[in-house]
Amino acid sequence: MSQLTLEQIVEAIDALSPAEQEQVRRRLNERKSQQKSPLPPGFKVRRVPPIAPLKDIKREMAWIAEHRDEFAGQWVALDGDRLIKAGQSAKEVHDVARAEGVPDALIVKVIPRDRLSYVDVVTVIDEPPKP
């Protein structure tokens, strides 16, 4: 028996009536659902909601673009367009941001303009805001 190529199979399916194509689709879906899971037995996948909502950082990124030369090479903690702290270590600026009540501040090392091929961004989320 000769082997069919994928292209020959696709051409044959295209030649079928819409009802027959639907039968092929159902058959393939049934086979897929009967295939063994790649996960170990007893392993269940579940989605966990984020601990904090996603934050829009447009104002922070605008601040960085405006002040890049002034703070190049430093870590900064930003809340919107407000500078909370600038310093030489991420821990230092994070500690000040947290002490000022902004645990979800954007913590970023400002890359000098001449080395700007990427931006190192570390978002520090400590605890979700309390209502």
N, C-alpha and C. Protein backbone atom coordinates (compact mmCIF):
# COMPACT_ATOMS: atom_id res chain seq x y z
N MET A 1 0.85 -1.18 0.00
CA MET A 1 0.00 0.00 0.00
C MET A 1 0.89 1.24 0.00
N SER A 2 0.58 2.20 -0.86
CA SER A 2 1.41 3.40 -0.97
C SER A 2 1.03 4.41 0.11
N GLN A 3 1.99 5.19 0.50
CA GLN A 3 1.78 6.23 1.51
C GLN A 3 1.25 7.49 0.85
N LEU A 4 0.22 8.06 1.45
CA LEU A 4 -0.31 9.34 0.95
C LEU A 4 0.45 10.48 1.59
N THR A 5 0.66 11.53 0.82
CA THR A 5 1.31 12.71 1.39
C THR A 5 0.23 13.57 2.05
N LEU A 6 0.67 14.47 2.89
CA LEU A 6 -0.26 15.38 3.55
C LEU A 6 -1.04 16.19 2.51
N GLU A 7 -0.35 16.63 1.49
CA GLU A 7 -1.02 17.41 0.44
C GLU A 7 -2.11 16.60 -0.25
N GLN A 8 -1.87 15.32 -0.51
CA GLN A 8 -2.88 14.47 -1.13
C GLN A 8 -4.08 14.31 -0.21
N ILE A 9 -3.82 14.18 1.09
CA ILE A 9 -4.92 14.04 2.04
C ILE A 9 -5.75 15.31 2.08
N VAL A 10 -5.09 16.46 2.12
CA VAL A 10 -5.79 17.74 2.15
C VAL A 10 -6.63 17.91 0.88
N GLU A 11 -6.06 17.57 -0.27
CA GLU A 11 -6.81 17.66 -1.53
C GLU A 11 -8.04 16.76 -1.50
N ALA A 12 -7.88 15.56 -0.96
CA ALA A 12 -9.01 14.62 -0.88
C ALA A 12 -10.10 15.18 0.04
N ILE A 13 -9.69 15.80 1.17
CA ILE A 13 -10.68 16.38 2.08
C ILE A 13 -11.38 17.55 1.41
N ASP A 14 -10.62 18.38 0.68
CA ASP A 14 -11.23 19.52 -0.03
C ASP A 14 -12.26 19.06 -1.06
N ALA A 15 -12.07 17.87 -1.61
CA ALA A 15 -13.01 17.36 -2.62
C ALA A 15 -14.30 16.82 -2.00
N LEU A 16 -14.33 16.63 -0.69
CA LEU A 16 -15.52 16.11 -0.01
C LEU A 16 -16.60 17.18 0.08
N SER A 17 -17.82 16.72 0.27
CA SER A 17 -18.93 17.65 0.49
C SER A 17 -18.79 18.28 1.88
N PRO A 18 -19.43 19.42 2.14
CA PRO A 18 -19.36 20.03 3.47
C PRO A 18 -19.78 19.07 4.59
N ALA A 19 -20.78 18.24 4.35
CA ALA A 19 -21.23 17.30 5.37
C ALA A 19 -20.15 16.25 5.64
N GLU A 20 -19.49 15.77 4.58
CA GLU A 20 -18.42 14.79 4.75
C GLU A 20 -17.21 15.42 5.45
N GLN A 21 -16.90 16.68 5.12
CA GLN A 21 -15.80 17.37 5.79
C GLN A 21 -16.09 17.51 7.29
N GLU A 22 -17.35 17.76 7.62
CA GLU A 22 -17.72 17.86 9.04
C GLU A 22 -17.53 16.52 9.74
N GLN A 23 -17.84 15.43 9.05
CA GLN A 23 -17.61 14.09 9.62
C GLN A 23 -16.13 13.87 9.89
N VAL A 24 -15.28 14.29 8.96
CA VAL A 24 -13.83 14.15 9.14
C VAL A 24 -13.38 14.97 10.35
N ARG A 25 -13.90 16.21 10.46
CA ARG A 25 -13.55 17.09 11.58
C ARG A 25 -13.94 16.44 12.91
N ARG A 26 -15.17 15.91 12.99
CA ARG A 26 -15.63 15.27 14.22
C ARG A 26 -14.76 14.06 14.56
N ARG A 27 -14.43 13.28 13.56
CA ARG A 27 -13.61 12.08 13.77
C ARG A 27 -12.23 12.45 14.31
N LEU A 28 -11.62 13.50 13.74
CA LEU A 28 -10.31 13.94 14.22
C LEU A 28 -10.40 14.47 15.65
N ASN A 29 -11.46 15.20 15.96
CA ASN A 29 -11.65 15.71 17.32
C ASN A 29 -11.83 14.57 18.32
N GLU A 30 -12.57 13.53 17.92
CA GLU A 30 -12.76 12.37 18.80
C GLU A 30 -11.42 11.69 19.07
N ARG A 31 -10.62 11.52 18.04
CA ARG A 31 -9.30 10.87 18.21
C ARG A 31 -8.41 11.70 19.12
N LYS A 32 -8.49 13.02 18.95
CA LYS A 32 -7.66 13.89 19.78
C LYS A 32 -8.07 13.77 21.24
N SER A 33 -9.36 13.72 21.52
CA SER A 33 -9.81 13.62 22.90
C SER A 33 -9.50 12.25 23.52
N GLN A 34 -9.30 11.24 22.69
CA GLN A 34 -8.98 9.90 23.19
C GLN A 34 -7.48 9.69 23.40
N GLN A 35 -6.67 10.60 22.89
CA GLN A 35 -5.21 10.46 23.03
C GLN A 35 -4.81 10.61 24.48
N LYS A 36 -3.77 9.93 24.84
CA LYS A 36 -3.27 9.97 26.20
C LYS A 36 -2.68 11.35 26.50
N SER A 37 -2.97 11.85 27.66
CA SER A 37 -2.47 13.15 28.09
C SER A 37 -0.96 13.08 28.31
N PRO A 38 -0.23 14.13 27.92
CA PRO A 38 1.21 14.15 28.16
C PRO A 38 1.55 14.40 29.64
N LEU A 39 0.54 14.73 30.43
CA LEU A 39 0.76 15.00 31.85
C LEU A 39 0.80 13.71 32.66
N PRO A 40 1.52 13.69 33.75
CA PRO A 40 1.57 12.48 34.59
C PRO A 40 0.18 12.17 35.16
N PRO A 41 -0.08 10.90 35.48
CA PRO A 41 -1.38 10.54 36.05
C PRO A 41 -1.66 11.33 37.33
N GLY A 42 -2.88 11.79 37.45
CA GLY A 42 -3.28 12.53 38.64
C GLY A 42 -2.92 14.00 38.60
N PHE A 43 -2.18 14.42 37.60
CA PHE A 43 -1.78 15.82 37.49
C PHE A 43 -2.94 16.61 36.89
N LYS A 44 -3.32 17.67 37.57
CA LYS A 44 -4.43 18.49 37.07
C LYS A 44 -3.92 19.90 36.80
N VAL A 45 -4.36 20.46 35.71
CA VAL A 45 -3.98 21.83 35.36
C VAL A 45 -5.07 22.75 35.87
N ARG A 46 -4.67 23.79 36.56
CA ARG A 46 -5.64 24.78 36.99
C ARG A 46 -5.02 26.16 36.83
N ARG A 47 -5.85 27.10 36.52
CA ARG A 47 -5.40 28.47 36.34
C ARG A 47 -5.57 29.22 37.65
N VAL A 48 -4.54 29.94 38.02
CA VAL A 48 -4.57 30.71 39.25
C VAL A 48 -4.65 32.19 38.87
N PRO A 49 -5.60 32.91 39.45
CA PRO A 49 -5.70 34.33 39.10
C PRO A 49 -4.49 35.09 39.62
N PRO A 50 -4.13 36.18 38.94
CA PRO A 50 -2.98 36.96 39.42
C PRO A 50 -3.25 37.52 40.80
N ILE A 51 -2.17 37.73 41.58
CA ILE A 51 -2.36 38.25 42.93
C ILE A 51 -2.70 39.73 42.93
N ALA A 52 -2.44 40.39 41.82
CA ALA A 52 -2.78 41.81 41.70
C ALA A 52 -3.19 42.06 40.25
N PRO A 53 -4.07 43.03 40.01
CA PRO A 53 -4.46 43.30 38.63
C PRO A 53 -3.27 43.84 37.83
N LEU A 54 -3.33 43.61 36.52
CA LEU A 54 -2.28 44.16 35.66
C LEU A 54 -2.31 45.68 35.74
N LYS A 55 -1.14 46.26 35.74
CA LYS A 55 -1.03 47.70 35.92
C LYS A 55 -0.61 48.35 34.60
N ASP A 56 -1.27 49.42 34.23
CA ASP A 56 -0.88 50.19 33.06
C ASP A 56 0.35 51.01 33.42
N ILE A 57 1.44 50.85 32.66
CA ILE A 57 2.68 51.54 33.00
C ILE A 57 3.06 52.61 31.96
N LYS A 58 2.08 53.13 31.23
CA LYS A 58 2.37 54.15 30.22
C LYS A 58 3.00 55.39 30.83
N ARG A 59 2.48 55.84 31.96
CA ARG A 59 3.03 57.06 32.58
C ARG A 59 4.45 56.82 33.08
N GLU A 60 4.71 55.65 33.63
CA GLU A 60 6.06 55.33 34.09
C GLU A 60 7.03 55.30 32.91
N MET A 61 6.62 54.68 31.81
CA MET A 61 7.50 54.60 30.64
C MET A 61 7.75 55.98 30.04
N ALA A 62 6.74 56.87 30.07
CA ALA A 62 6.94 58.24 29.59
C ALA A 62 7.94 58.97 30.49
N TRP A 63 7.85 58.74 31.81
CA TRP A 63 8.78 59.37 32.75
C TRP A 63 10.20 58.90 32.45
N ILE A 64 10.38 57.61 32.22
CA ILE A 64 11.71 57.06 31.92
C ILE A 64 12.26 57.69 30.64
N ALA A 65 11.43 57.79 29.62
CA ALA A 65 11.89 58.39 28.36
C ALA A 65 12.34 59.84 28.58
N GLU A 66 11.62 60.57 29.42
CA GLU A 66 11.93 61.98 29.67
C GLU A 66 13.18 62.15 30.55
N HIS A 67 13.40 61.26 31.50
CA HIS A 67 14.48 61.42 32.48
C HIS A 67 15.62 60.42 32.31
N ARG A 68 15.68 59.74 31.18
CA ARG A 68 16.67 58.68 30.96
C ARG A 68 18.10 59.16 31.21
N ASP A 69 18.48 60.30 30.63
CA ASP A 69 19.87 60.77 30.75
C ASP A 69 20.22 61.12 32.20
N GLU A 70 19.27 61.69 32.91
CA GLU A 70 19.48 62.11 34.30
C GLU A 70 19.69 60.93 35.25
N PHE A 71 18.99 59.79 35.00
CA PHE A 71 19.03 58.64 35.91
C PHE A 71 19.66 57.40 35.30
N ALA A 72 20.39 57.55 34.20
CA ALA A 72 21.01 56.41 33.52
C ALA A 72 21.89 55.63 34.49
N GLY A 73 21.71 54.30 34.48
CA GLY A 73 22.51 53.42 35.32
C GLY A 73 21.99 53.25 36.73
N GLN A 74 20.94 53.96 37.08
CA GLN A 74 20.38 53.85 38.44
C GLN A 74 19.08 53.06 38.41
N TRP A 75 18.75 52.51 39.56
CA TRP A 75 17.44 51.89 39.76
C TRP A 75 16.49 52.98 40.22
N VAL A 76 15.26 52.96 39.69
CA VAL A 76 14.26 53.93 40.13
C VAL A 76 12.98 53.20 40.51
N ALA A 77 12.27 53.76 41.47
CA ALA A 77 10.94 53.28 41.85
C ALA A 77 9.97 54.36 41.42
N LEU A 78 8.98 53.98 40.61
CA LEU A 78 8.03 54.95 40.08
C LEU A 78 6.61 54.56 40.42
N ASP A 79 5.81 55.57 40.69
CA ASP A 79 4.37 55.40 40.87
C ASP A 79 3.73 56.38 39.91
N GLY A 80 3.32 55.88 38.75
CA GLY A 80 2.84 56.79 37.70
C GLY A 80 4.02 57.61 37.22
N ASP A 81 3.84 58.94 37.19
CA ASP A 81 4.94 59.80 36.77
C ASP A 81 5.66 60.43 37.98
N ARG A 82 5.50 59.80 39.13
CA ARG A 82 6.15 60.29 40.36
C ARG A 82 7.32 59.40 40.70
N LEU A 83 8.51 60.03 40.85
CA LEU A 83 9.69 59.31 41.29
C LEU A 83 9.61 59.13 42.80
N ILE A 84 9.66 57.89 43.24
CA ILE A 84 9.65 57.60 44.67
C ILE A 84 11.08 57.61 45.20
N LYS A 85 11.98 56.92 44.49
CA LYS A 85 13.36 56.81 44.94
C LYS A 85 14.24 56.40 43.78
N ALA A 86 15.46 56.93 43.74
CA ALA A 86 16.48 56.50 42.79
C ALA A 86 17.68 56.05 43.61
N GLY A 87 18.35 54.99 43.17
CA GLY A 87 19.51 54.51 43.91
C GLY A 87 20.28 53.47 43.13
N GLN A 88 21.31 52.93 43.76
CA GLN A 88 22.20 51.97 43.09
C GLN A 88 21.74 50.53 43.19
N SER A 89 20.75 50.24 44.06
CA SER A 89 20.28 48.86 44.17
C SER A 89 18.76 48.79 44.10
N ALA A 90 18.27 47.71 43.50
CA ALA A 90 16.82 47.50 43.41
C ALA A 90 16.22 47.34 44.80
N LYS A 91 16.94 46.66 45.69
CA LYS A 91 16.43 46.45 47.05
C LYS A 91 16.23 47.78 47.76
N GLU A 92 17.19 48.67 47.62
CA GLU A 92 17.11 49.98 48.28
C GLU A 92 15.86 50.75 47.82
N VAL A 93 15.65 50.81 46.50
CA VAL A 93 14.50 51.58 46.01
C VAL A 93 13.19 50.87 46.33
N HIS A 94 13.20 49.52 46.31
CA HIS A 94 11.99 48.78 46.66
C HIS A 94 11.61 49.01 48.12
N ASP A 95 12.61 48.98 49.00
CA ASP A 95 12.34 49.19 50.43
C ASP A 95 11.71 50.55 50.69
N VAL A 96 12.21 51.58 50.01
CA VAL A 96 11.65 52.93 50.19
C VAL A 96 10.23 52.99 49.63
N ALA A 97 10.01 52.40 48.45
CA ALA A 97 8.66 52.41 47.86
C ALA A 97 7.67 51.70 48.77
N ARG A 98 8.08 50.58 49.32
CA ARG A 98 7.20 49.82 50.23
C ARG A 98 6.93 50.63 51.49
N ALA A 99 7.96 51.28 52.03
CA ALA A 99 7.79 52.10 53.25
C ALA A 99 6.86 53.28 53.00
N GLU A 100 6.84 53.77 51.76
CA GLU A 100 5.95 54.89 51.42
C GLU A 100 4.55 54.41 51.03
N GLY A 101 4.29 53.13 51.16
CA GLY A 101 2.96 52.60 50.89
C GLY A 101 2.67 52.31 49.43
N VAL A 102 3.71 52.08 48.63
CA VAL A 102 3.52 51.77 47.21
C VAL A 102 4.21 50.43 46.91
N PRO A 103 3.64 49.32 47.38
CA PRO A 103 4.29 48.02 47.19
C PRO A 103 4.28 47.56 45.73
N ASP A 104 3.41 48.14 44.90
CA ASP A 104 3.37 47.73 43.49
C ASP A 104 4.05 48.75 42.58
N ALA A 105 5.00 49.52 43.13
CA ALA A 105 5.75 50.48 42.33
C ALA A 105 6.50 49.76 41.22
N LEU A 106 6.70 50.46 40.12
CA LEU A 106 7.51 49.90 39.05
C LEU A 106 8.97 50.15 39.41
N ILE A 107 9.73 49.08 39.52
CA ILE A 107 11.15 49.16 39.84
C ILE A 107 11.90 48.84 38.55
N VAL A 108 12.74 49.78 38.09
CA VAL A 108 13.40 49.59 36.80
C VAL A 108 14.80 50.17 36.87
N LYS A 109 15.73 49.50 36.19
CA LYS A 109 17.07 50.06 36.04
C LYS A 109 17.07 50.83 34.73
N VAL A 110 17.41 52.10 34.81
CA VAL A 110 17.36 52.96 33.63
C VAL A 110 18.61 52.71 32.79
N ILE A 111 18.40 52.24 31.59
CA ILE A 111 19.49 51.92 30.68
C ILE A 111 19.91 53.19 29.95
N PRO A 112 21.23 53.48 29.88
CA PRO A 112 21.69 54.66 29.15
C PRO A 112 21.22 54.62 27.70
N ARG A 113 20.98 55.79 27.16
CA ARG A 113 20.46 55.91 25.79
C ARG A 113 21.36 55.20 24.78
N ASP A 114 22.68 55.26 24.96
CA ASP A 114 23.60 54.65 23.99
C ASP A 114 23.63 53.12 24.07
N ARG A 115 23.09 52.53 25.12
CA ARG A 115 23.02 51.07 25.25
C ARG A 115 21.59 50.57 25.11
N LEU A 116 20.71 51.37 24.59
CA LEU A 116 19.29 51.06 24.57
C LEU A 116 18.92 50.07 23.46
N SER A 117 19.20 48.79 23.73
CA SER A 117 18.73 47.75 22.82
C SER A 117 17.60 46.98 23.49
N TYR A 118 17.48 47.14 24.79
CA TYR A 118 16.39 46.53 25.55
C TYR A 118 16.28 47.28 26.87
N VAL A 119 15.23 47.01 27.59
CA VAL A 119 15.03 47.66 28.88
C VAL A 119 14.84 46.57 29.92
N ASP A 120 15.61 46.65 31.01
CA ASP A 120 15.45 45.72 32.12
C ASP A 120 14.33 46.25 32.99
N VAL A 121 13.23 45.55 33.03
CA VAL A 121 12.11 45.99 33.84
C VAL A 121 11.80 44.89 34.85
N VAL A 122 11.74 45.27 36.10
CA VAL A 122 11.36 44.33 37.15
C VAL A 122 10.18 44.96 37.87
N THR A 123 9.04 44.35 37.76
CA THR A 123 7.89 44.84 38.48
C THR A 123 7.83 44.10 39.80
N VAL A 124 7.86 44.84 40.86
CA VAL A 124 7.84 44.23 42.18
C VAL A 124 6.42 44.30 42.73
N ILE A 125 5.82 43.14 42.91
CA ILE A 125 4.49 43.08 43.48
C ILE A 125 4.63 42.33 44.79
N ASP A 126 4.47 43.03 45.86
CA ASP A 126 4.67 42.42 47.18
C ASP A 126 3.36 41.86 47.71
N GLU A 127 2.39 42.70 47.82
CA GLU A 127 1.07 42.29 48.31
C GLU A 127 0.02 43.04 47.52
N PRO A 128 -1.14 42.43 47.30
CA PRO A 128 -2.20 43.18 46.64
C PRO A 128 -2.63 44.34 47.51
N PRO A 129 -3.05 45.44 46.89
CA PRO A 129 -3.49 46.58 47.68
C PRO A 129 -4.65 46.21 48.59
N LYS A 130 -4.63 46.74 49.78
CA LYS A 130 -5.72 46.47 50.73
C LYS A 130 -6.82 47.50 50.52
N PRO A 131 -8.10 47.04 50.51
CA PRO A 131 -9.22 47.98 50.28
C PRO A 131 -9.40 48.95 51.42
